[in-house]
Amino acid sequence: MLEAGSIAVVGVASDENSSFLRGTAAAPEHIRKALHCPSSNLCAENGVDLSTAPGWQLVGDIGTPEMQPSFDQIEEAIQDLVEADVRVISLGGDHSITHPIVRAHSAHYPSLTILHLDAHPDLYDQLDGNRNSHACPFARIMEEGLADCLVSLGIRTTTPHLRDQADRFGVEIITASQDWRPVVASLQPPLYLSLDLDVLDPAFAPGISHHEPGGLSTREVLDILHALPHPPIGADIVELNPDRDLNGLTAMVAAKLLKEILAGMLG
């Protein structure tokens, strides 16, 4: 039984809104396997030993790759946890799942600040006729007023349409080559973190569908996580595609990032 104030790590088996390749629906199990890989351990860099630390739990998946959940099902499942005062880290799945997840958080946490780590702004009005594409979640989130502030960091593929969308919604774009520290230091609570693994350069995370060279290193992303001025009230890690991974490398990177987010939230 999850207690109030605890953290649930929930898989979301969804990739139906992926625009290029499917496969991310299978990611949650690969991240959990990497988390418990005997080649490493459950100690985070701040000294928290997740193998003995109370207050967090792996709670399985919403849907399966064969029976993928609807947005309504994702929102309802996350909302049940949030309303029970359980904090949620969601493991995707493609980035479209962030829309129903943030919607589930928004009623309980008004005036959300979202820190979005990604190669892409994911602000398309629609992609290939799909307004729920994994390229569109932050357009839907901002249209619906689910967040007061959206900062997108690590961006390196901004089209003219996406620049117009960022201006329309007041999104602060920090490119992969810009200094992120002043912006991250100014983030206000309540803070939600959305981490697309393709924020990383493909050299560090080959197991993603959209390889976009010129990204951040694993250490740079860890530095961002460690610099957060407030523990996130929720988070997601998305876009691991096990079909493209090499020797489970990207799954191990995802598990490392999960450990550091968990340890930061546990305080």
C-alpha atoms as a PDB file:
ATOM      1  CA  MET A   1       0.000   0.000   0.000  1.00  0.00           C
ATOM      2  CA  LEU A   2       1.401   3.377  -1.015  1.00  0.00           C
ATOM      3  CA  GLU A   3       1.495   5.931   1.786  1.00  0.00           C
ATOM      4  CA  ALA A   4       0.838   9.641   1.378  1.00  0.00           C
ATOM      5  CA  GLY A   5       4.036  11.424   0.424  1.00  0.00           C
ATOM      6  CA  SER A   6       5.618   8.333  -1.093  1.00  0.00           C
ATOM      7  CA  ILE A   7       6.782   7.971  -4.693  1.00  0.00           C
ATOM      8  CA  ALA A   8       5.325   5.532  -7.212  1.00  0.00           C
ATOM      9  CA  VAL A   9       7.360   4.574 -10.273  1.00  0.00           C
ATOM     10  CA  VAL A  10       4.778   3.727 -12.924  1.00  0.00           C
ATOM     11  CA  GLY A  11       5.327   2.369 -16.416  1.00  0.00           C
ATOM     12  CA  VAL A  12       3.173   3.678 -19.270  1.00  0.00           C
ATOM     13  CA  ALA A  13       3.197   1.235 -22.185  1.00  0.00           C
ATOM     14  CA  SER A  14       2.253   3.562 -25.025  1.00  0.00           C
ATOM     15  CA  ASP A  15       3.815   4.294 -28.406  1.00  0.00           C
ATOM     16  CA  GLU A  16       0.770   4.630 -30.662  1.00  0.00           C
ATOM     17  CA  ASN A  17       1.506   8.326 -31.196  1.00  0.00           C
ATOM     18  CA  SER A  18       5.106   7.853 -32.286  1.00  0.00           C
ATOM     19  CA  SER A  19       5.768   9.474 -35.649  1.00  0.00           C
ATOM     20  CA  PHE A  20       8.791   7.533 -36.914  1.00  0.00           C
ATOM     21  CA  LEU A  21       9.334   4.222 -35.137  1.00  0.00           C
ATOM     22  CA  ARG A  22       7.350   2.167 -32.650  1.00  0.00           C
ATOM     23  CA  GLY A  23       8.980   0.283 -29.782  1.00  0.00           C
ATOM     24  CA  THR A  24       8.936   2.684 -26.834  1.00  0.00           C
ATOM     25  CA  ALA A  25       5.911   0.938 -25.288  1.00  0.00           C
ATOM     26  CA  ALA A  26       8.278  -1.842 -24.214  1.00  0.00           C
ATOM     27  CA  ALA A  27      10.650   0.561 -22.430  1.00  0.00           C
ATOM     28  CA  PRO A  28       9.391   0.430 -18.808  1.00  0.00           C
ATOM     29  CA  GLU A  29      10.395  -3.191 -18.288  1.00  0.00           C
ATOM     30  CA  HIS A  30      13.855  -2.534 -19.739  1.00  0.00           C
ATOM     31  CA  ILE A  31      14.403   0.429 -17.407  1.00  0.00           C
ATOM     32  CA  ARG A  32      13.334  -1.599 -14.370  1.00  0.00           C
ATOM     33  CA  LYS A  33      15.642  -4.445 -15.405  1.00  0.00           C
ATOM     34  CA  ALA A  34      18.543  -2.006 -15.782  1.00  0.00           C
ATOM     35  CA  LEU A  35      17.740  -0.436 -12.412  1.00  0.00           C
ATOM     36  CA  HIS A  36      18.289  -3.810 -10.735  1.00  0.00           C
ATOM     37  CA  CYS A  37      21.177  -4.925 -12.945  1.00  0.00           C
ATOM     38  CA  PRO A  38      23.857  -6.557 -10.743  1.00  0.00           C
ATOM     39  CA  SER A  39      26.544  -4.668 -12.671  1.00  0.00           C
ATOM     40  CA  SER A  40      25.578  -1.586 -10.643  1.00  0.00           C
ATOM     41  CA  ASN A  41      23.787  -0.768  -7.403  1.00  0.00           C
ATOM     42  CA  LEU A  42      20.954   1.409  -6.126  1.00  0.00           C
ATOM     43  CA  CYS A  43      23.072   4.142  -4.538  1.00  0.00           C
ATOM     44  CA  ALA A  44      22.562   7.643  -5.914  1.00  0.00           C
ATOM     45  CA  GLU A  45      25.265  10.280  -6.077  1.00  0.00           C
ATOM     46  CA  ASN A  46      23.845  12.218  -3.106  1.00  0.00           C
ATOM     47  CA  GLY A  47      24.408   9.167  -0.895  1.00  0.00           C
ATOM     48  CA  VAL A  48      20.824   7.886  -0.816  1.00  0.00           C
ATOM     49  CA  ASP A  49      20.751   4.077  -1.008  1.00  0.00           C
ATOM     50  CA  LEU A  50      17.502   3.283  -2.784  1.00  0.00           C
ATOM     51  CA  SER A  51      17.800  -0.384  -1.818  1.00  0.00           C
ATOM     52  CA  THR A  52      17.086   0.560   1.802  1.00  0.00           C
ATOM     53  CA  ALA A  53      15.466   3.992   1.541  1.00  0.00           C
ATOM     54  CA  PRO A  54      11.764   3.936   2.371  1.00  0.00           C
ATOM     55  CA  GLY A  55       9.175   5.969   0.543  1.00  0.00           C
ATOM     56  CA  TRP A  56       9.259   4.677  -3.031  1.00  0.00           C
ATOM     57  CA  GLN A  57       7.914   1.703  -4.904  1.00  0.00           C
ATOM     58  CA  LEU A  58       7.763   0.192  -8.389  1.00  0.00           C
ATOM     59  CA  VAL A  59       4.064  -0.308  -9.116  1.00  0.00           C
ATOM     60  CA  GLY A  60       3.887  -1.890 -12.564  1.00  0.00           C
ATOM     61  CA  ASP A  61       2.517  -0.574 -15.833  1.00  0.00           C
ATOM     62  CA  ILE A  62      -0.513   1.200 -17.187  1.00  0.00           C
ATOM     63  CA  GLY A  63      -1.417  -0.909 -20.216  1.00  0.00           C
ATOM     64  CA  THR A  64       0.795  -3.245 -22.213  1.00  0.00           C
ATOM     65  CA  PRO A  65       2.454  -2.968 -25.629  1.00  0.00           C
ATOM     66  CA  GLU A  66      -0.327  -5.194 -26.946  1.00  0.00           C
ATOM     67  CA  MET A  67      -3.185  -3.422 -25.114  1.00  0.00           C
ATOM     68  CA  GLN A  68      -2.085   0.184 -24.991  1.00  0.00           C
ATOM     69  CA  PRO A  69      -3.903   2.620 -22.697  1.00  0.00           C
ATOM     70  CA  SER A  70      -5.936   5.578 -23.889  1.00  0.00           C
ATOM     71  CA  PHE A  71      -5.107   9.078 -22.711  1.00  0.00           C
ATOM     72  CA  ASP A  72      -8.161   8.919 -20.441  1.00  0.00           C
ATOM     73  CA  GLN A  73      -6.889   5.701 -18.851  1.00  0.00           C
ATOM     74  CA  ILE A  74      -3.436   7.196 -18.303  1.00  0.00           C
ATOM     75  CA  GLU A  75      -4.885  10.356 -16.791  1.00  0.00           C
ATOM     76  CA  GLU A  76      -7.235   8.455 -14.489  1.00  0.00           C
ATOM     77  CA  ALA A  77      -4.533   6.104 -13.212  1.00  0.00           C
ATOM     78  CA  ILE A  78      -2.087   8.933 -12.486  1.00  0.00           C
ATOM     79  CA  GLN A  79      -4.822  11.124 -10.999  1.00  0.00           C
ATOM     80  CA  ASP A  80      -5.772   8.381  -8.523  1.00  0.00           C
ATOM     81  CA  LEU A  81      -2.195   8.382  -7.239  1.00  0.00           C
ATOM     82  CA  VAL A  82      -1.810  12.163  -7.171  1.00  0.00           C
ATOM     83  CA  GLU A  83      -5.083  12.606  -5.296  1.00  0.00           C
ATOM     84  CA  ALA A  84      -3.817  10.111  -2.706  1.00  0.00           C
ATOM     85  CA  ASP A  85      -0.825  12.464  -2.210  1.00  0.00           C
ATOM     86  CA  VAL A  86       1.509  10.010  -3.929  1.00  0.00           C
ATOM     87  CA  ARG A  87       4.196  11.518  -6.128  1.00  0.00           C
ATOM     88  CA  VAL A  88       4.634   9.821  -9.495  1.00  0.00           C
ATOM     89  CA  ILE A  89       7.584   9.147 -11.764  1.00  0.00           C
ATOM     90  CA  SER A  90       6.291   7.784 -15.059  1.00  0.00           C
ATOM     91  CA  LEU A  91       8.385   5.639 -17.394  1.00  0.00           C
ATOM     92  CA  GLY A  92       7.336   5.861 -21.025  1.00  0.00           C
ATOM     93  CA  GLY A  93       6.459   5.207 -23.640  1.00  0.00           C
ATOM     94  CA  ASP A  94       6.630   8.021 -26.119  1.00  0.00           C
ATOM     95  CA  HIS A  95       6.415  11.696 -25.197  1.00  0.00           C
ATOM     96  CA  SER A  96       2.701  11.987 -25.963  1.00  0.00           C
ATOM     97  CA  ILE A  97       1.984  10.492 -22.523  1.00  0.00           C
ATOM     98  CA  THR A  98       3.171  13.691 -20.838  1.00  0.00           C
ATOM     99  CA  HIS A  99      -0.052  15.457 -21.815  1.00  0.00           C
ATOM    100  CA  PRO A 100      -2.447  13.215 -19.830  1.00  0.00           C
ATOM    101  CA  ILE A 101       0.091  12.892 -17.012  1.00  0.00           C
ATOM    102  CA  VAL A 102       0.407  16.670 -16.605  1.00  0.00           C
ATOM    103  CA  ARG A 103      -3.362  17.010 -16.856  1.00  0.00           C
ATOM    104  CA  ALA A 104      -3.650  14.584 -13.941  1.00  0.00           C
ATOM    105  CA  HIS A 105      -1.243  16.722 -11.904  1.00  0.00           C
ATOM    106  CA  SER A 106      -2.604  20.143 -12.775  1.00  0.00           C
ATOM    107  CA  ALA A 107      -5.746  20.133 -10.604  1.00  0.00           C
ATOM    108  CA  HIS A 108      -3.749  19.087  -7.543  1.00  0.00           C
ATOM    109  CA  TYR A 109      -0.795  21.354  -8.313  1.00  0.00           C
ATOM    110  CA  PRO A 110      -1.979  24.659  -9.771  1.00  0.00           C
ATOM    111  CA  SER A 111       0.555  27.060 -11.286  1.00  0.00           C
ATOM    112  CA  LEU A 112       2.868  24.286 -12.452  1.00  0.00           C
ATOM    113  CA  THR A 113       6.349  24.994 -13.722  1.00  0.00           C
ATOM    114  CA  ILE A 114       7.541  22.387 -16.233  1.00  0.00           C
ATOM    115  CA  LEU A 115      11.190  21.763 -16.990  1.00  0.00           C
ATOM    116  CA  HIS A 116      11.328  19.879 -20.284  1.00  0.00           C
ATOM    117  CA  LEU A 117      14.610  18.261 -21.348  1.00  0.00           C
ATOM    118  CA  ASP A 118      14.568  17.306 -25.022  1.00  0.00           C
ATOM    119  CA  ALA A 119      16.172  17.675 -28.445  1.00  0.00           C
ATOM    120  CA  HIS A 120      12.798  18.884 -29.768  1.00  0.00           C
ATOM    121  CA  PRO A 121      10.320  21.497 -28.479  1.00  0.00           C
ATOM    122  CA  ASP A 122       7.362  19.099 -29.040  1.00  0.00           C
ATOM    123  CA  LEU A 123       5.132  22.101 -29.714  1.00  0.00           C
ATOM    124  CA  TYR A 124       3.717  21.151 -33.115  1.00  0.00           C
ATOM    125  CA  ASP A 125       0.071  22.022 -33.527  1.00  0.00           C
ATOM    126  CA  GLN A 126      -0.233  18.681 -35.310  1.00  0.00           C
ATOM    127  CA  LEU A 127       2.105  16.240 -37.013  1.00  0.00           C
ATOM    128  CA  ASP A 128       0.895  14.124 -39.915  1.00  0.00           C
ATOM    129  CA  GLY A 129      -2.653  15.047 -38.952  1.00  0.00           C
ATOM    130  CA  ASN A 130      -2.257  13.810 -35.361  1.00  0.00           C
ATOM    131  CA  ARG A 131      -2.749  16.439 -32.643  1.00  0.00           C
ATOM    132  CA  ASN A 132      -1.815  13.822 -30.025  1.00  0.00           C
ATOM    133  CA  SER A 133       1.515  13.011 -31.656  1.00  0.00           C
ATOM    134  CA  HIS A 134       4.583  12.729 -29.465  1.00  0.00           C
ATOM    135  CA  ALA A 135       5.677  15.899 -31.270  1.00  0.00           C
ATOM    136  CA  CYS A 136       2.688  17.845 -29.855  1.00  0.00           C
ATOM    137  CA  PRO A 137       2.257  17.306 -26.083  1.00  0.00           C
ATOM    138  CA  PHE A 138       3.434  20.729 -24.964  1.00  0.00           C
ATOM    139  CA  ALA A 139       1.167  22.508 -27.443  1.00  0.00           C
ATOM    140  CA  ARG A 140      -1.779  20.695 -25.859  1.00  0.00           C
ATOM    141  CA  ILE A 141      -0.522  21.372 -22.324  1.00  0.00           C
ATOM    142  CA  MET A 142      -0.112  25.095 -22.932  1.00  0.00           C
ATOM    143  CA  GLU A 143      -3.382  25.413 -24.874  1.00  0.00           C
ATOM    144  CA  GLU A 144      -5.241  23.942 -21.920  1.00  0.00           C
ATOM    145  CA  GLY A 145      -3.487  26.167 -19.399  1.00  0.00           C
ATOM    146  CA  LEU A 146      -2.090  23.200 -17.493  1.00  0.00           C
ATOM    147  CA  ALA A 147       1.180  24.981 -16.690  1.00  0.00           C
ATOM    148  CA  ASP A 148       2.086  28.564 -15.901  1.00  0.00           C
ATOM    149  CA  CYS A 149       5.674  28.224 -17.085  1.00  0.00           C
ATOM    150  CA  LEU A 150       7.385  25.899 -19.562  1.00  0.00           C
ATOM    151  CA  VAL A 151      11.158  25.843 -19.985  1.00  0.00           C
ATOM    152  CA  SER A 152      12.531  23.566 -22.714  1.00  0.00           C
ATOM    153  CA  LEU A 153      16.244  22.797 -22.410  1.00  0.00           C
ATOM    154  CA  GLY A 154      18.637  20.998 -24.741  1.00  0.00           C
ATOM    155  CA  ILE A 155      16.693  21.971 -27.870  1.00  0.00           C
ATOM    156  CA  ARG A 156      18.469  21.730 -31.231  1.00  0.00           C
ATOM    157  CA  THR A 157      15.751  21.260 -33.910  1.00  0.00           C
ATOM    158  CA  THR A 158      13.491  24.329 -33.816  1.00  0.00           C
ATOM    159  CA  THR A 159      11.584  24.877 -37.073  1.00  0.00           C
ATOM    160  CA  PRO A 160       9.918  28.218 -37.953  1.00  0.00           C
ATOM    161  CA  HIS A 161       6.537  26.762 -36.920  1.00  0.00           C
ATOM    162  CA  LEU A 162       7.966  25.660 -33.573  1.00  0.00           C
ATOM    163  CA  ARG A 163       9.498  29.092 -32.983  1.00  0.00           C
ATOM    164  CA  ASP A 164       6.084  30.636 -33.650  1.00  0.00           C
ATOM    165  CA  GLN A 165       4.494  28.181 -31.222  1.00  0.00           C
ATOM    166  CA  ALA A 166       7.090  28.946 -28.552  1.00  0.00           C
ATOM    167  CA  ASP A 167       6.369  32.666 -28.940  1.00  0.00           C
ATOM    168  CA  ARG A 168       2.615  32.030 -28.853  1.00  0.00           C
ATOM    169  CA  PHE A 169       2.781  30.111 -25.580  1.00  0.00           C
ATOM    170  CA  GLY A 170       5.634  32.037 -23.953  1.00  0.00           C
ATOM    171  CA  VAL A 171       7.914  29.007 -23.831  1.00  0.00           C
ATOM    172  CA  GLU A 172      11.523  29.663 -22.851  1.00  0.00           C
ATOM    173  CA  ILE A 173      13.817  27.719 -25.173  1.00  0.00           C
ATOM    174  CA  ILE A 174      17.353  26.957 -24.000  1.00  0.00           C
ATOM    175  CA  THR A 175      19.386  25.372 -26.774  1.00  0.00           C
ATOM    176  CA  ALA A 176      21.934  22.623 -26.233  1.00  0.00           C
ATOM    177  CA  SER A 177      24.754  25.172 -26.611  1.00  0.00           C
ATOM    178  CA  GLN A 178      23.405  27.765 -24.154  1.00  0.00           C
ATOM    179  CA  ASP A 179      24.138  28.184 -20.457  1.00  0.00           C
ATOM    180  CA  TRP A 180      21.216  26.616 -18.604  1.00  0.00           C
ATOM    181  CA  ARG A 181      22.281  27.392 -15.032  1.00  0.00           C
ATOM    182  CA  PRO A 182      20.599  30.802 -14.493  1.00  0.00           C
ATOM    183  CA  VAL A 183      17.294  29.567 -15.885  1.00  0.00           C
ATOM    184  CA  VAL A 184      17.300  26.333 -13.876  1.00  0.00           C
ATOM    185  CA  ALA A 185      18.174  28.258 -10.702  1.00  0.00           C
ATOM    186  CA  SER A 186      15.139  30.511 -11.227  1.00  0.00           C
ATOM    187  CA  LEU A 187      12.563  27.713 -11.575  1.00  0.00           C
ATOM    188  CA  GLN A 188       9.638  28.091  -9.199  1.00  0.00           C
ATOM    189  CA  PRO A 189       7.659  25.368  -7.431  1.00  0.00           C
ATOM    190  CA  PRO A 190       5.629  23.308  -7.953  1.00  0.00           C
ATOM    191  CA  LEU A 191       8.053  21.836 -10.467  1.00  0.00           C
ATOM    192  CA  TYR A 192       7.317  19.001 -12.887  1.00  0.00           C
ATOM    193  CA  LEU A 193      10.172  17.367 -14.830  1.00  0.00           C
ATOM    194  CA  SER A 194       9.755  15.813 -18.287  1.00  0.00           C
ATOM    195  CA  LEU A 195      12.902  14.094 -19.541  1.00  0.00           C
ATOM    196  CA  ASP A 196      13.066  12.878 -23.128  1.00  0.00           C
ATOM    197  CA  LEU A 197      16.158  10.717 -23.497  1.00  0.00           C
ATOM    198  CA  ASP A 198      16.956  12.261 -26.858  1.00  0.00           C
ATOM    199  CA  VAL A 199      18.088  15.372 -24.999  1.00  0.00           C
ATOM    200  CA  LEU A 200      21.257  13.296 -24.811  1.00  0.00           C
ATOM    201  CA  ASP A 201      23.624  13.053 -27.718  1.00  0.00           C
ATOM    202  CA  PRO A 202      23.120   9.698 -29.491  1.00  0.00           C
ATOM    203  CA  ALA A 203      26.653   8.755 -28.440  1.00  0.00           C
ATOM    204  CA  PHE A 204      25.329   8.503 -24.873  1.00  0.00           C
ATOM    205  CA  ALA A 205      21.836   7.230 -25.708  1.00  0.00           C
ATOM    206  CA  PRO A 206      21.677   5.265 -28.969  1.00  0.00           C
ATOM    207  CA  GLY A 207      18.452   3.510 -27.972  1.00  0.00           C
ATOM    208  CA  ILE A 208      16.089   6.247 -29.102  1.00  0.00           C
ATOM    209  CA  SER A 209      13.956   6.612 -32.206  1.00  0.00           C
ATOM    210  CA  HIS A 210      15.132  10.080 -33.255  1.00  0.00           C
ATOM    211  CA  HIS A 211      18.928  10.381 -33.302  1.00  0.00           C
ATOM    212  CA  GLU A 212      19.777  14.089 -33.095  1.00  0.00           C
ATOM    213  CA  PRO A 213      23.536  14.740 -32.863  1.00  0.00           C
ATOM    214  CA  GLY A 214      24.882  17.643 -30.858  1.00  0.00           C
ATOM    215  CA  GLY A 215      23.104  16.835 -27.607  1.00  0.00           C
ATOM    216  CA  LEU A 216      24.043  16.859 -23.963  1.00  0.00           C
ATOM    217  CA  SER A 217      26.259  14.342 -22.234  1.00  0.00           C
ATOM    218  CA  THR A 218      25.003  12.081 -19.469  1.00  0.00           C
ATOM    219  CA  ARG A 219      27.034  14.114 -16.966  1.00  0.00           C
ATOM    220  CA  GLU A 220      25.488  17.375 -18.175  1.00  0.00           C
ATOM    221  CA  VAL A 221      21.983  15.986 -17.683  1.00  0.00           C
ATOM    222  CA  LEU A 222      22.966  14.730 -14.229  1.00  0.00           C
ATOM    223  CA  ASP A 223      24.308  18.188 -13.399  1.00  0.00           C
ATOM    224  CA  ILE A 224      20.925  19.675 -14.363  1.00  0.00           C
ATOM    225  CA  LEU A 225      19.088  17.183 -12.150  1.00  0.00           C
ATOM    226  CA  HIS A 226      21.404  17.929  -9.240  1.00  0.00           C
ATOM    227  CA  ALA A 227      20.973  21.691  -9.745  1.00  0.00           C
ATOM    228  CA  LEU A 228      17.173  21.702  -9.510  1.00  0.00           C
ATOM    229  CA  PRO A 229      16.235  24.313  -6.903  1.00  0.00           C
ATOM    230  CA  HIS A 230      13.172  22.338  -5.761  1.00  0.00           C
ATOM    231  CA  PRO A 231      12.406  18.609  -5.707  1.00  0.00           C
ATOM    232  CA  PRO A 232       9.990  17.795  -8.539  1.00  0.00           C
ATOM    233  CA  ILE A 233       6.434  16.953  -7.536  1.00  0.00           C
ATOM    234  CA  GLY A 234       6.382  14.498 -10.445  1.00  0.00           C
ATOM    235  CA  ALA A 235       8.427  13.450 -13.437  1.00  0.00           C
ATOM    236  CA  ASP A 236       8.512  11.346 -16.562  1.00  0.00           C
ATOM    237  CA  ILE A 237      11.318   9.651 -18.492  1.00  0.00           C
ATOM    238  CA  VAL A 238      10.314   8.925 -22.065  1.00  0.00           C
ATOM    239  CA  GLU A 239      11.387   7.771 -25.532  1.00  0.00           C
ATOM    240  CA  LEU A 240      13.665   4.822 -24.754  1.00  0.00           C
ATOM    241  CA  ASN A 241      13.341   2.487 -27.735  1.00  0.00           C
ATOM    242  CA  PRO A 242      14.783  -0.921 -26.759  1.00  0.00           C
ATOM    243  CA  ASP A 243      14.723  -2.033 -30.407  1.00  0.00           C
ATOM    244  CA  ARG A 244      17.505   0.470 -31.167  1.00  0.00           C
ATOM    245  CA  ASP A 245      19.528   0.085 -27.985  1.00  0.00           C
ATOM    246  CA  LEU A 246      23.093  -1.268 -27.930  1.00  0.00           C
ATOM    247  CA  ASN A 247      23.892  -3.747 -25.146  1.00  0.00           C
ATOM    248  CA  GLY A 248      21.239  -2.121 -22.954  1.00  0.00           C
ATOM    249  CA  LEU A 249      23.313   1.086 -22.736  1.00  0.00           C
ATOM    250  CA  THR A 250      20.424   3.531 -23.025  1.00  0.00           C
ATOM    251  CA  ALA A 251      18.330   1.541 -20.559  1.00  0.00           C
ATOM    252  CA  MET A 252      21.205   1.823 -18.068  1.00  0.00           C
ATOM    253  CA  VAL A 253      21.382   5.573 -18.686  1.00  0.00           C
ATOM    254  CA  ALA A 254      17.620   5.825 -18.113  1.00  0.00           C
ATOM    255  CA  ALA A 255      17.935   3.816 -14.899  1.00  0.00           C
ATOM    256  CA  LYS A 256      20.768   6.087 -13.721  1.00  0.00           C
ATOM    257  CA  LEU A 257      18.653   9.178 -14.353  1.00  0.00           C
ATOM    258  CA  LEU A 258      15.720   7.523 -12.580  1.00  0.00           C
ATOM    259  CA  LYS A 259      17.928   6.859  -9.529  1.00  0.00           C
ATOM    260  CA  GLU A 260      19.044  10.472  -9.362  1.00  0.00           C
ATOM    261  CA  ILE A 261      15.500  11.843  -9.790  1.00  0.00           C
ATOM    262  CA  LEU A 262      14.205   9.469  -7.109  1.00  0.00           C
ATOM    263  CA  ALA A 263      16.989  10.371  -4.685  1.00  0.00           C
ATOM    264  CA  GLY A 264      16.361  14.079  -5.244  1.00  0.00           C
ATOM    265  CA  MET A 265      12.646  13.691  -4.618  1.00  0.00           C
ATOM    266  CA  LEU A 266      13.254  11.649  -1.484  1.00  0.00           C
ATOM    267  CA  GLY A 267      15.521  14.407  -0.195  1.00  0.00           C
END
